């Protein structure tokens, strides 16, 4: 019973992680987090 609950918990965490990662990745324009990319985004958005 303990083994089953543990395995189910691991699968559940894996599914949540997959869903969250998909939500982060599914965007047309990738958004770099580092500040050194801010000028890239600025120049691009202002054409």
ModelCIF file with pLDDT and N, C-alpha, C, O atoms, coordinates in Angstrom:
data_MODEL
#
_entry.id   MODEL 
#
_entity.id                         1 
_entity.type                       polymer 
_entity.pdbx_number_of_molecules   1 
#
_entity_poly.entity_id                      1 
_entity_poly.type                           'polypeptide(L)' 
_entity_poly.nstd_linkage                   no 
_entity_poly.nstd_monomer                   no 
_entity_poly.pdbx_seq_one_letter_code       
;(UNK)(UNK)(UNK)(UNK)(UNK)(UNK)(UNK)(UNK)(UNK)(UNK)(UNK)(UNK)(UNK)(UNK)(UNK)(UNK)
(UNK)(UNK)(UNK)(UNK)(UNK)(UNK)(UNK)(UNK)(UNK)(UNK)(UNK)(UNK)(UNK)(UNK)(UNK)(UNK)
(UNK)(UNK)(UNK)(UNK)(UNK)(UNK)(UNK)(UNK)(UNK)(UNK)(UNK)(UNK)(UNK)(UNK)(UNK)
;
_entity_poly.pdbx_seq_one_letter_code_can   XXXXXXXXXXXXXXXXXXXXXXXXXXXXXXXXXXXXXXXXXXXXXXX 
_entity_poly.pdbx_strand_id                 A 
#
loop_
_entity_poly_seq.entity_id 
_entity_poly_seq.num 
_entity_poly_seq.mon_id 
_entity_poly_seq.hetero 
1 1  UNK n 
1 2  UNK n 
1 3  UNK n 
1 4  UNK n 
1 5  UNK n 
1 6  UNK n 
1 7  UNK n 
1 8  UNK n 
1 9  UNK n 
1 10 UNK n 
1 11 UNK n 
1 12 UNK n 
1 13 UNK n 
1 14 UNK n 
1 15 UNK n 
1 16 UNK n 
1 17 UNK n 
1 18 UNK n 
1 19 UNK n 
1 20 UNK n 
1 21 UNK n 
1 22 UNK n 
1 23 UNK n 
1 24 UNK n 
1 25 UNK n 
1 26 UNK n 
1 27 UNK n 
1 28 UNK n 
1 29 UNK n 
1 30 UNK n 
1 31 UNK n 
1 32 UNK n 
1 33 UNK n 
1 34 UNK n 
1 35 UNK n 
1 36 UNK n 
1 37 UNK n 
1 38 UNK n 
1 39 UNK n 
1 40 UNK n 
1 41 UNK n 
1 42 UNK n 
1 43 UNK n 
1 44 UNK n 
1 45 UNK n 
1 46 UNK n 
1 47 UNK n 
#
_struct_asym.id          A 
_struct_asym.entity_id   1 
#
loop_
_ma_qa_metric.id 
_ma_qa_metric.mode 
_ma_qa_metric.name 
_ma_qa_metric.software_group_id 
_ma_qa_metric.type 
1 global pLDDT . pLDDT 
2 local  pLDDT . pLDDT 
#
_ma_qa_metric_global.metric_id      1 
_ma_qa_metric_global.metric_value   67.02 
_ma_qa_metric_global.model_id       1 
_ma_qa_metric_global.ordinal_id     1 
#
loop_
_ma_qa_metric_local.label_asym_id 
_ma_qa_metric_local.label_comp_id 
_ma_qa_metric_local.label_seq_id 
_ma_qa_metric_local.metric_id 
_ma_qa_metric_local.metric_value 
_ma_qa_metric_local.model_id 
_ma_qa_metric_local.ordinal_id 
A UNK 1  2 44.00 1 1  
A UNK 2  2 45.00 1 2  
A UNK 3  2 42.00 1 3  
A UNK 4  2 50.00 1 4  
A UNK 5  2 42.00 1 5  
A UNK 6  2 44.00 1 6  
A UNK 7  2 44.00 1 7  
A UNK 8  2 51.00 1 8  
A UNK 9  2 49.00 1 9  
A UNK 10 2 55.00 1 10 
A UNK 11 2 49.00 1 11 
A UNK 12 2 54.00 1 12 
A UNK 13 2 57.00 1 13 
A UNK 14 2 51.00 1 14 
A UNK 15 2 51.00 1 15 
A UNK 16 2 48.00 1 16 
A UNK 17 2 50.00 1 17 
A UNK 18 2 46.00 1 18 
A UNK 19 2 48.00 1 19 
A UNK 20 2 49.00 1 20 
A UNK 21 2 46.00 1 21 
A UNK 22 2 46.00 1 22 
A UNK 23 2 46.00 1 23 
A UNK 24 2 52.00 1 24 
A UNK 25 2 59.00 1 25 
A UNK 26 2 83.00 1 26 
A UNK 27 2 89.00 1 27 
A UNK 28 2 92.00 1 28 
A UNK 29 2 91.00 1 29 
A UNK 30 2 88.00 1 30 
A UNK 31 2 82.00 1 31 
A UNK 32 2 78.00 1 32 
A UNK 33 2 74.00 1 33 
A UNK 34 2 74.00 1 34 
A UNK 35 2 78.00 1 35 
A UNK 36 2 80.00 1 36 
A UNK 37 2 88.00 1 37 
A UNK 38 2 91.00 1 38 
A UNK 39 2 92.00 1 39 
A UNK 40 2 93.00 1 40 
A UNK 41 2 92.00 1 41 
A UNK 42 2 93.00 1 42 
A UNK 43 2 95.00 1 43 
A UNK 44 2 94.00 1 44 
A UNK 45 2 94.00 1 45 
A UNK 46 2 96.00 1 46 
A UNK 47 2 95.00 1 47 
#
loop_
_atom_site.group_PDB 
_atom_site.id 
_atom_site.type_symbol 
_atom_site.label_atom_id 
_atom_site.label_alt_id 
_atom_site.label_comp_id 
_atom_site.label_asym_id 
_atom_site.label_entity_id 
_atom_site.label_seq_id 
_atom_site.pdbx_PDB_ins_code 
_atom_site.Cartn_x 
_atom_site.Cartn_y 
_atom_site.Cartn_z 
_atom_site.occupancy 
_atom_site.B_iso_or_equiv 
_atom_site.pdbx_formal_charge 
_atom_site.auth_seq_id 
_atom_site.auth_comp_id 
_atom_site.auth_asym_id 
_atom_site.auth_atom_id 
_atom_site.pdbx_PDB_model_num 
ATOM 1   N N  . UNK A 1 1  ? 0.838  -1.201 0.000   1.00 44.00 ? 1  UNK A N  1 
ATOM 2   C CA . UNK A 1 1  ? 0.000  0.000  0.000   1.00 44.00 ? 1  UNK A CA 1 
ATOM 3   C C  . UNK A 1 1  ? 0.877  1.256  0.000   1.00 44.00 ? 1  UNK A C  1 
ATOM 4   O O  . UNK A 1 1  ? 0.646  2.194  -0.763  1.00 44.00 ? 1  UNK A O  1 
ATOM 5   N N  . UNK A 1 2  ? 1.894  1.250  0.881   1.00 45.00 ? 2  UNK A N  1 
ATOM 6   C CA . UNK A 1 2  ? 2.813  2.389  0.966   1.00 45.00 ? 2  UNK A CA 1 
ATOM 7   C C  . UNK A 1 2  ? 3.559  2.572  -0.360  1.00 45.00 ? 2  UNK A C  1 
ATOM 8   O O  . UNK A 1 2  ? 3.743  3.696  -0.828  1.00 45.00 ? 2  UNK A O  1 
ATOM 9   N N  . UNK A 1 3  ? 3.985  1.451  -0.961  1.00 42.00 ? 3  UNK A N  1 
ATOM 10  C CA . UNK A 1 3  ? 4.701  1.508  -2.236  1.00 42.00 ? 3  UNK A CA 1 
ATOM 11  C C  . UNK A 1 3  ? 3.812  2.065  -3.337  1.00 42.00 ? 3  UNK A C  1 
ATOM 12  O O  . UNK A 1 3  ? 4.261  2.869  -4.155  1.00 42.00 ? 3  UNK A O  1 
ATOM 13  N N  . UNK A 1 4  ? 2.545  1.640  -3.362  1.00 50.00 ? 4  UNK A N  1 
ATOM 14  C CA . UNK A 1 4  ? 1.597  2.118  -4.366  1.00 50.00 ? 4  UNK A CA 1 
ATOM 15  C C  . UNK A 1 4  ? 1.364  3.625  -4.232  1.00 50.00 ? 4  UNK A C  1 
ATOM 16  O O  . UNK A 1 4  ? 1.377  4.359  -5.221  1.00 50.00 ? 4  UNK A O  1 
ATOM 17  N N  . UNK A 1 5  ? 1.148  4.073  -2.980  1.00 42.00 ? 5  UNK A N  1 
ATOM 18  C CA . UNK A 1 5  ? 0.908  5.498  -2.729  1.00 42.00 ? 5  UNK A CA 1 
ATOM 19  C C  . UNK A 1 5  ? 2.124  6.322  -3.139  1.00 42.00 ? 5  UNK A C  1 
ATOM 20  O O  . UNK A 1 5  ? 1.991  7.393  -3.732  1.00 42.00 ? 5  UNK A O  1 
ATOM 21  N N  . UNK A 1 6  ? 3.313  5.810  -2.816  1.00 44.00 ? 6  UNK A N  1 
ATOM 22  C CA . UNK A 1 6  ? 4.546  6.512  -3.157  1.00 44.00 ? 6  UNK A CA 1 
ATOM 23  C C  . UNK A 1 6  ? 4.700  6.636  -4.676  1.00 44.00 ? 6  UNK A C  1 
ATOM 24  O O  . UNK A 1 6  ? 5.038  7.704  -5.186  1.00 44.00 ? 6  UNK A O  1 
ATOM 25  N N  . UNK A 1 7  ? 4.449  5.533  -5.393  1.00 44.00 ? 7  UNK A N  1 
ATOM 26  C CA . UNK A 1 7  ? 4.578  5.549  -6.854  1.00 44.00 ? 7  UNK A CA 1 
ATOM 27  C C  . UNK A 1 7  ? 3.555  6.498  -7.481  1.00 44.00 ? 7  UNK A C  1 
ATOM 28  O O  . UNK A 1 7  ? 3.869  7.234  -8.416  1.00 44.00 ? 7  UNK A O  1 
ATOM 29  N N  . UNK A 1 8  ? 2.324  6.470  -6.952  1.00 51.00 ? 8  UNK A N  1 
ATOM 30  C CA . UNK A 1 8  ? 1.280  7.357  -7.463  1.00 51.00 ? 8  UNK A CA 1 
ATOM 31  C C  . UNK A 1 8  ? 1.663  8.819  -7.254  1.00 51.00 ? 8  UNK A C  1 
ATOM 32  O O  . UNK A 1 8  ? 1.417  9.665  -8.115  1.00 51.00 ? 8  UNK A O  1 
ATOM 33  N N  . UNK A 1 9  ? 2.271  9.109  -6.099  1.00 49.00 ? 9  UNK A N  1 
ATOM 34  C CA . UNK A 1 9  ? 2.698  10.473 -5.798  1.00 49.00 ? 9  UNK A CA 1 
ATOM 35  C C  . UNK A 1 9  ? 3.783  10.923 -6.771  1.00 49.00 ? 9  UNK A C  1 
ATOM 36  O O  . UNK A 1 9  ? 3.753  12.054 -7.256  1.00 49.00 ? 9  UNK A O  1 
ATOM 37  N N  . UNK A 1 10 ? 4.743  10.039 -7.058  1.00 55.00 ? 10 UNK A N  1 
ATOM 38  C CA . UNK A 1 10 ? 5.828  10.362 -7.984  1.00 55.00 ? 10 UNK A CA 1 
ATOM 39  C C  . UNK A 1 10 ? 5.268  10.636 -9.383  1.00 55.00 ? 10 UNK A C  1 
ATOM 40  O O  . UNK A 1 10 ? 5.685  11.586 -10.045 1.00 55.00 ? 10 UNK A O  1 
ATOM 41  N N  . UNK A 1 11 ? 4.322  9.800  -9.831  1.00 49.00 ? 11 UNK A N  1 
ATOM 42  C CA . UNK A 1 11 ? 3.706  9.989  -11.151 1.00 49.00 ? 11 UNK A CA 1 
ATOM 43  C C  . UNK A 1 11 ? 2.957  11.321 -11.199 1.00 49.00 ? 11 UNK A C  1 
ATOM 44  O O  . UNK A 1 11 ? 3.033  12.053 -12.186 1.00 49.00 ? 11 UNK A O  1 
ATOM 45  N N  . UNK A 1 12 ? 2.227  11.626 -10.112 1.00 54.00 ? 12 UNK A N  1 
ATOM 46  C CA . UNK A 1 12 ? 1.461  12.874 -10.038 1.00 54.00 ? 12 UNK A CA 1 
ATOM 47  C C  . UNK A 1 12 ? 2.385  14.088 -10.133 1.00 54.00 ? 12 UNK A C  1 
ATOM 48  O O  . UNK A 1 12 ? 2.097  15.033 -10.867 1.00 54.00 ? 12 UNK A O  1 
ATOM 49  N N  . UNK A 1 13 ? 3.486  14.062 -9.399  1.00 57.00 ? 13 UNK A N  1 
ATOM 50  C CA . UNK A 1 13 ? 4.464  15.158 -9.438  1.00 57.00 ? 13 UNK A CA 1 
ATOM 51  C C  . UNK A 1 13 ? 5.053  15.287 -10.842 1.00 57.00 ? 13 UNK A C  1 
ATOM 52  O O  . UNK A 1 13 ? 5.256  16.394 -11.340 1.00 57.00 ? 13 UNK A O  1 
ATOM 53  N N  . UNK A 1 14 ? 5.328  14.132 -11.479 1.00 51.00 ? 14 UNK A N  1 
ATOM 54  C CA . UNK A 1 14 ? 5.873  14.157 -12.836 1.00 51.00 ? 14 UNK A CA 1 
ATOM 55  C C  . UNK A 1 14 ? 4.921  14.793 -13.830 1.00 51.00 ? 14 UNK A C  1 
ATOM 56  O O  . UNK A 1 14 ? 5.334  15.560 -14.699 1.00 51.00 ? 14 UNK A O  1 
ATOM 57  N N  . UNK A 1 15 ? 3.624  14.465 -13.694 1.00 51.00 ? 15 UNK A N  1 
ATOM 58  C CA . UNK A 1 15 ? 2.611  15.034 -14.584 1.00 51.00 ? 15 UNK A CA 1 
ATOM 59  C C  . UNK A 1 15 ? 2.506  16.539 -14.389 1.00 51.00 ? 15 UNK A C  1 
ATOM 60  O O  . UNK A 1 15 ? 2.436  17.289 -15.363 1.00 51.00 ? 15 UNK A O  1 
ATOM 61  N N  . UNK A 1 16 ? 2.493  16.989 -13.130 1.00 48.00 ? 16 UNK A N  1 
ATOM 62  C CA . UNK A 1 16 ? 2.433  18.423 -12.837 1.00 48.00 ? 16 UNK A CA 1 
ATOM 63  C C  . UNK A 1 16 ? 3.631  19.158 -13.426 1.00 48.00 ? 16 UNK A C  1 
ATOM 64  O O  . UNK A 1 16 ? 3.494  20.237 -14.002 1.00 48.00 ? 16 UNK A O  1 
ATOM 65  N N  . UNK A 1 17 ? 4.810  18.554 -13.271 1.00 50.00 ? 17 UNK A N  1 
ATOM 66  C CA . UNK A 1 17 ? 6.032  19.159 -13.799 1.00 50.00 ? 17 UNK A CA 1 
ATOM 67  C C  . UNK A 1 17 ? 5.961  19.275 -15.319 1.00 50.00 ? 17 UNK A C  1 
ATOM 68  O O  . UNK A 1 17 ? 6.367  20.284 -15.895 1.00 50.00 ? 17 UNK A O  1 
ATOM 69  N N  . UNK A 1 18 ? 5.434  18.216 -15.967 1.00 46.00 ? 18 UNK A N  1 
ATOM 70  C CA . UNK A 1 18 ? 5.323  18.226 -17.427 1.00 46.00 ? 18 UNK A CA 1 
ATOM 71  C C  . UNK A 1 18 ? 4.357  19.313 -17.887 1.00 46.00 ? 18 UNK A C  1 
ATOM 72  O O  . UNK A 1 18 ? 4.651  20.049 -18.829 1.00 46.00 ? 18 UNK A O  1 
ATOM 73  N N  . UNK A 1 19 ? 3.197  19.415 -17.221 1.00 48.00 ? 19 UNK A N  1 
ATOM 74  C CA . UNK A 1 19 ? 2.206  20.427 -17.590 1.00 48.00 ? 19 UNK A CA 1 
ATOM 75  C C  . UNK A 1 19 ? 2.767  21.823 -17.434 1.00 48.00 ? 19 UNK A C  1 
ATOM 76  O O  . UNK A 1 19 ? 2.591  22.674 -18.307 1.00 48.00 ? 19 UNK A O  1 
ATOM 77  N N  . UNK A 1 20 ? 3.455  22.063 -16.304 1.00 49.00 ? 20 UNK A N  1 
ATOM 78  C CA . UNK A 1 20 ? 4.025  23.394 -16.056 1.00 49.00 ? 20 UNK A CA 1 
ATOM 79  C C  . UNK A 1 20 ? 5.113  23.732 -17.065 1.00 49.00 ? 20 UNK A C  1 
ATOM 80  O O  . UNK A 1 20 ? 5.218  24.871 -17.520 1.00 49.00 ? 20 UNK A O  1 
ATOM 81  N N  . UNK A 1 21 ? 5.923  22.734 -17.411 1.00 46.00 ? 21 UNK A N  1 
ATOM 82  C CA . UNK A 1 21 ? 7.002  22.984 -18.379 1.00 46.00 ? 21 UNK A CA 1 
ATOM 83  C C  . UNK A 1 21 ? 6.420  23.289 -19.749 1.00 46.00 ? 21 UNK A C  1 
ATOM 84  O O  . UNK A 1 21 ? 6.943  24.129 -20.481 1.00 46.00 ? 21 UNK A O  1 
ATOM 85  N N  . UNK A 1 22 ? 5.319  22.593 -20.099 1.00 46.00 ? 22 UNK A N  1 
ATOM 86  C CA . UNK A 1 22 ? 4.674  22.875 -21.377 1.00 46.00 ? 22 UNK A CA 1 
ATOM 87  C C  . UNK A 1 22 ? 4.110  24.290 -21.411 1.00 46.00 ? 22 UNK A C  1 
ATOM 88  O O  . UNK A 1 22 ? 4.215  24.988 -22.420 1.00 46.00 ? 22 UNK A O  1 
ATOM 89  N N  . UNK A 1 23 ? 3.514  24.702 -20.302 1.00 46.00 ? 23 UNK A N  1 
ATOM 90  C CA . UNK A 1 23 ? 2.958  26.058 -20.219 1.00 46.00 ? 23 UNK A CA 1 
ATOM 91  C C  . UNK A 1 23 ? 4.048  27.106 -20.392 1.00 46.00 ? 23 UNK A C  1 
ATOM 92  O O  . UNK A 1 23 ? 3.824  28.145 -21.012 1.00 46.00 ? 23 UNK A O  1 
ATOM 93  N N  . UNK A 1 24 ? 5.234  26.832 -19.841 1.00 52.00 ? 24 UNK A N  1 
ATOM 94  C CA . UNK A 1 24 ? 6.324  27.795 -19.958 1.00 52.00 ? 24 UNK A CA 1 
ATOM 95  C C  . UNK A 1 24 ? 6.853  27.852 -21.386 1.00 52.00 ? 24 UNK A C  1 
ATOM 96  O O  . UNK A 1 24 ? 7.216  28.919 -21.881 1.00 52.00 ? 24 UNK A O  1 
ATOM 97  N N  . UNK A 1 25 ? 6.894  26.700 -22.039 1.00 59.00 ? 25 UNK A N  1 
ATOM 98  C CA . UNK A 1 25 ? 7.564  26.622 -23.330 1.00 59.00 ? 25 UNK A CA 1 
ATOM 99  C C  . UNK A 1 25 ? 6.669  27.009 -24.502 1.00 59.00 ? 25 UNK A C  1 
ATOM 100 O O  . UNK A 1 25 ? 7.170  27.467 -25.529 1.00 59.00 ? 25 UNK A O  1 
ATOM 101 N N  . UNK A 1 26 ? 5.362  26.837 -24.371 1.00 83.00 ? 26 UNK A N  1 
ATOM 102 C CA . UNK A 1 26 ? 4.483  27.071 -25.507 1.00 83.00 ? 26 UNK A CA 1 
ATOM 103 C C  . UNK A 1 26 ? 4.197  28.559 -25.677 1.00 83.00 ? 26 UNK A C  1 
ATOM 104 O O  . UNK A 1 26 ? 3.173  29.073 -25.226 1.00 83.00 ? 26 UNK A O  1 
ATOM 105 N N  . UNK A 1 27 ? 5.104  29.211 -26.320 1.00 89.00 ? 27 UNK A N  1 
ATOM 106 C CA . UNK A 1 27 ? 4.911  30.604 -26.748 1.00 89.00 ? 27 UNK A CA 1 
ATOM 107 C C  . UNK A 1 27 ? 5.678  30.756 -28.055 1.00 89.00 ? 27 UNK A C  1 
ATOM 108 O O  . UNK A 1 27 ? 6.704  30.109 -28.261 1.00 89.00 ? 27 UNK A O  1 
ATOM 109 N N  . UNK A 1 28 ? 5.181  31.602 -28.919 1.00 92.00 ? 28 UNK A N  1 
ATOM 110 C CA . UNK A 1 28 ? 5.830  31.703 -30.221 1.00 92.00 ? 28 UNK A CA 1 
ATOM 111 C C  . UNK A 1 28 ? 7.184  32.388 -30.108 1.00 92.00 ? 28 UNK A C  1 
ATOM 112 O O  . UNK A 1 28 ? 8.171  31.941 -30.691 1.00 92.00 ? 28 UNK A O  1 
ATOM 113 N N  . UNK A 1 29 ? 7.217  33.480 -29.349 1.00 91.00 ? 29 UNK A N  1 
ATOM 114 C CA . UNK A 1 29 ? 8.485  34.182 -29.174 1.00 91.00 ? 29 UNK A CA 1 
ATOM 115 C C  . UNK A 1 29 ? 9.120  33.762 -27.854 1.00 91.00 ? 29 UNK A C  1 
ATOM 116 O O  . UNK A 1 29 ? 8.596  34.086 -26.788 1.00 91.00 ? 29 UNK A O  1 
ATOM 117 N N  . UNK A 1 30 ? 10.240 33.047 -27.906 1.00 88.00 ? 30 UNK A N  1 
ATOM 118 C CA . UNK A 1 30 ? 10.917 32.671 -26.658 1.00 88.00 ? 30 UNK A CA 1 
ATOM 119 C C  . UNK A 1 30 ? 11.395 33.915 -25.914 1.00 88.00 ? 30 UNK A C  1 
ATOM 120 O O  . UNK A 1 30 ? 11.898 34.860 -26.522 1.00 88.00 ? 30 UNK A O  1 
ATOM 121 N N  . UNK A 1 31 ? 11.233 33.904 -24.604 1.00 82.00 ? 31 UNK A N  1 
ATOM 122 C CA . UNK A 1 31 ? 11.597 35.085 -23.807 1.00 82.00 ? 31 UNK A CA 1 
ATOM 123 C C  . UNK A 1 31 ? 12.803 34.759 -22.926 1.00 82.00 ? 31 UNK A C  1 
ATOM 124 O O  . UNK A 1 31 ? 12.655 34.083 -21.909 1.00 82.00 ? 31 UNK A O  1 
ATOM 125 N N  . UNK A 1 32 ? 13.978 35.226 -23.299 1.00 78.00 ? 32 UNK A N  1 
ATOM 126 C CA . UNK A 1 32 ? 15.166 34.999 -22.459 1.00 78.00 ? 32 UNK A CA 1 
ATOM 127 C C  . UNK A 1 32 ? 15.059 35.777 -21.156 1.00 78.00 ? 32 UNK A C  1 
ATOM 128 O O  . UNK A 1 32 ? 14.587 36.914 -21.142 1.00 78.00 ? 32 UNK A O  1 
ATOM 129 N N  . UNK A 1 33 ? 15.497 35.164 -20.062 1.00 74.00 ? 33 UNK A N  1 
ATOM 130 C CA . UNK A 1 33 ? 15.309 35.767 -18.737 1.00 74.00 ? 33 UNK A CA 1 
ATOM 131 C C  . UNK A 1 33 ? 16.420 36.741 -18.355 1.00 74.00 ? 33 UNK A C  1 
ATOM 132 O O  . UNK A 1 33 ? 16.191 37.664 -17.573 1.00 74.00 ? 33 UNK A O  1 
ATOM 133 N N  . UNK A 1 34 ? 17.596 36.547 -18.887 1.00 74.00 ? 34 UNK A N  1 
ATOM 134 C CA . UNK A 1 34 ? 18.736 37.350 -18.451 1.00 74.00 ? 34 UNK A CA 1 
ATOM 135 C C  . UNK A 1 34 ? 18.621 38.797 -18.928 1.00 74.00 ? 34 UNK A C  1 
ATOM 136 O O  . UNK A 1 34 ? 18.108 39.070 -20.014 1.00 74.00 ? 34 UNK A O  1 
ATOM 137 N N  . UNK A 1 35 ? 19.101 39.701 -18.110 1.00 78.00 ? 35 UNK A N  1 
ATOM 138 C CA . UNK A 1 35 ? 18.974 41.138 -18.392 1.00 78.00 ? 35 UNK A CA 1 
ATOM 139 C C  . UNK A 1 35 ? 19.738 41.553 -19.652 1.00 78.00 ? 35 UNK A C  1 
ATOM 140 O O  . UNK A 1 35 ? 19.397 42.547 -20.293 1.00 78.00 ? 35 UNK A O  1 
ATOM 141 N N  . UNK A 1 36 ? 20.765 40.790 -19.999 1.00 80.00 ? 36 UNK A N  1 
ATOM 142 C CA . UNK A 1 36 ? 21.564 41.180 -21.177 1.00 80.00 ? 36 UNK A CA 1 
ATOM 143 C C  . UNK A 1 36 ? 20.787 41.033 -22.486 1.00 80.00 ? 36 UNK A C  1 
ATOM 144 O O  . UNK A 1 36 ? 21.226 41.510 -23.533 1.00 80.00 ? 36 UNK A O  1 
ATOM 145 N N  . UNK A 1 37 ? 19.640 40.377 -22.419 1.00 88.00 ? 37 UNK A N  1 
ATOM 146 C CA . UNK A 1 37 ? 18.818 40.234 -23.615 1.00 88.00 ? 37 UNK A CA 1 
ATOM 147 C C  . UNK A 1 37 ? 17.756 41.326 -23.742 1.00 88.00 ? 37 UNK A C  1 
ATOM 148 O O  . UNK A 1 37 ? 17.012 41.358 -24.722 1.00 88.00 ? 37 UNK A O  1 
ATOM 149 N N  . UNK A 1 38 ? 17.684 42.203 -22.771 1.00 91.00 ? 38 UNK A N  1 
ATOM 150 C CA . UNK A 1 38 ? 16.620 43.209 -22.779 1.00 91.00 ? 38 UNK A CA 1 
ATOM 151 C C  . UNK A 1 38 ? 16.682 44.123 -23.998 1.00 91.00 ? 38 UNK A C  1 
ATOM 152 O O  . UNK A 1 38 ? 15.649 44.511 -24.544 1.00 91.00 ? 38 UNK A O  1 
ATOM 153 N N  . UNK A 1 39 ? 17.888 44.460 -24.418 1.00 92.00 ? 39 UNK A N  1 
ATOM 154 C CA . UNK A 1 39 ? 18.023 45.317 -25.607 1.00 92.00 ? 39 UNK A CA 1 
ATOM 155 C C  . UNK A 1 39 ? 17.555 44.592 -26.870 1.00 92.00 ? 39 UNK A C  1 
ATOM 156 O O  . UNK A 1 39 ? 16.990 45.205 -27.776 1.00 92.00 ? 39 UNK A O  1 
ATOM 157 N N  . UNK A 1 40 ? 17.797 43.284 -26.918 1.00 93.00 ? 40 UNK A N  1 
ATOM 158 C CA . UNK A 1 40 ? 17.331 42.498 -28.060 1.00 93.00 ? 40 UNK A CA 1 
ATOM 159 C C  . UNK A 1 40 ? 15.816 42.592 -28.164 1.00 93.00 ? 40 UNK A C  1 
ATOM 160 O O  . UNK A 1 40 ? 15.276 42.859 -29.238 1.00 93.00 ? 40 UNK A O  1 
ATOM 161 N N  . UNK A 1 41 ? 15.131 42.372 -27.042 1.00 92.00 ? 41 UNK A N  1 
ATOM 162 C CA . UNK A 1 41 ? 13.675 42.433 -27.017 1.00 92.00 ? 41 UNK A CA 1 
ATOM 163 C C  . UNK A 1 41 ? 13.168 43.851 -27.308 1.00 92.00 ? 41 UNK A C  1 
ATOM 164 O O  . UNK A 1 41 ? 12.161 44.037 -27.992 1.00 92.00 ? 41 UNK A O  1 
ATOM 165 N N  . UNK A 1 42 ? 13.882 44.839 -26.777 1.00 93.00 ? 42 UNK A N  1 
ATOM 166 C CA . UNK A 1 42 ? 13.480 46.239 -26.987 1.00 93.00 ? 42 UNK A CA 1 
ATOM 167 C C  . UNK A 1 42 ? 13.587 46.618 -28.464 1.00 93.00 ? 42 UNK A C  1 
ATOM 168 O O  . UNK A 1 42 ? 12.638 47.145 -29.045 1.00 93.00 ? 42 UNK A O  1 
ATOM 169 N N  . UNK A 1 43 ? 14.752 46.346 -29.069 1.00 95.00 ? 43 UNK A N  1 
ATOM 170 C CA . UNK A 1 43 ? 14.948 46.707 -30.478 1.00 95.00 ? 43 UNK A CA 1 
ATOM 171 C C  . UNK A 1 43 ? 13.970 45.946 -31.372 1.00 95.00 ? 43 UNK A C  1 
ATOM 172 O O  . UNK A 1 43 ? 13.472 46.492 -32.357 1.00 95.00 ? 43 UNK A O  1 
ATOM 173 N N  . UNK A 1 44 ? 13.698 44.693 -31.029 1.00 94.00 ? 44 UNK A N  1 
ATOM 174 C CA . UNK A 1 44 ? 12.784 43.904 -31.841 1.00 94.00 ? 44 UNK A CA 1 
ATOM 175 C C  . UNK A 1 44 ? 11.355 44.448 -31.747 1.00 94.00 ? 44 UNK A C  1 
ATOM 176 O O  . UNK A 1 44 ? 10.686 44.625 -32.764 1.00 94.00 ? 44 UNK A O  1 
ATOM 177 N N  . UNK A 1 45 ? 10.898 44.708 -30.531 1.00 94.00 ? 45 UNK A N  1 
ATOM 178 C CA . UNK A 1 45 ? 9.517  45.183 -30.337 1.00 94.00 ? 45 UNK A CA 1 
ATOM 179 C C  . UNK A 1 45 ? 9.308  46.565 -30.959 1.00 94.00 ? 45 UNK A C  1 
ATOM 180 O O  . UNK A 1 45 ? 8.207  46.887 -31.406 1.00 94.00 ? 45 UNK A O  1 
ATOM 181 N N  . UNK A 1 46 ? 10.366 47.381 -30.986 1.00 96.00 ? 46 UNK A N  1 
ATOM 182 C CA . UNK A 1 46 ? 10.253 48.722 -31.577 1.00 96.00 ? 46 UNK A CA 1 
ATOM 183 C C  . UNK A 1 46 ? 10.623 48.745 -33.065 1.00 96.00 ? 46 UNK A C  1 
ATOM 184 O O  . UNK A 1 46 ? 10.633 49.800 -33.699 1.00 96.00 ? 46 UNK A O  1 
ATOM 185 N N  . UNK A 1 47 ? 10.926 47.565 -33.605 1.00 95.00 ? 47 UNK A N  1 
ATOM 186 C CA . UNK A 1 47 ? 11.274 47.396 -35.020 1.00 95.00 ? 47 UNK A CA 1 
ATOM 187 C C  . UNK A 1 47 ? 12.488 48.234 -35.427 1.00 95.00 ? 47 UNK A C  1 
ATOM 188 O O  . UNK A 1 47 ? 12.902 48.199 -36.585 1.00 95.00 ? 47 UNK A O  1 
#
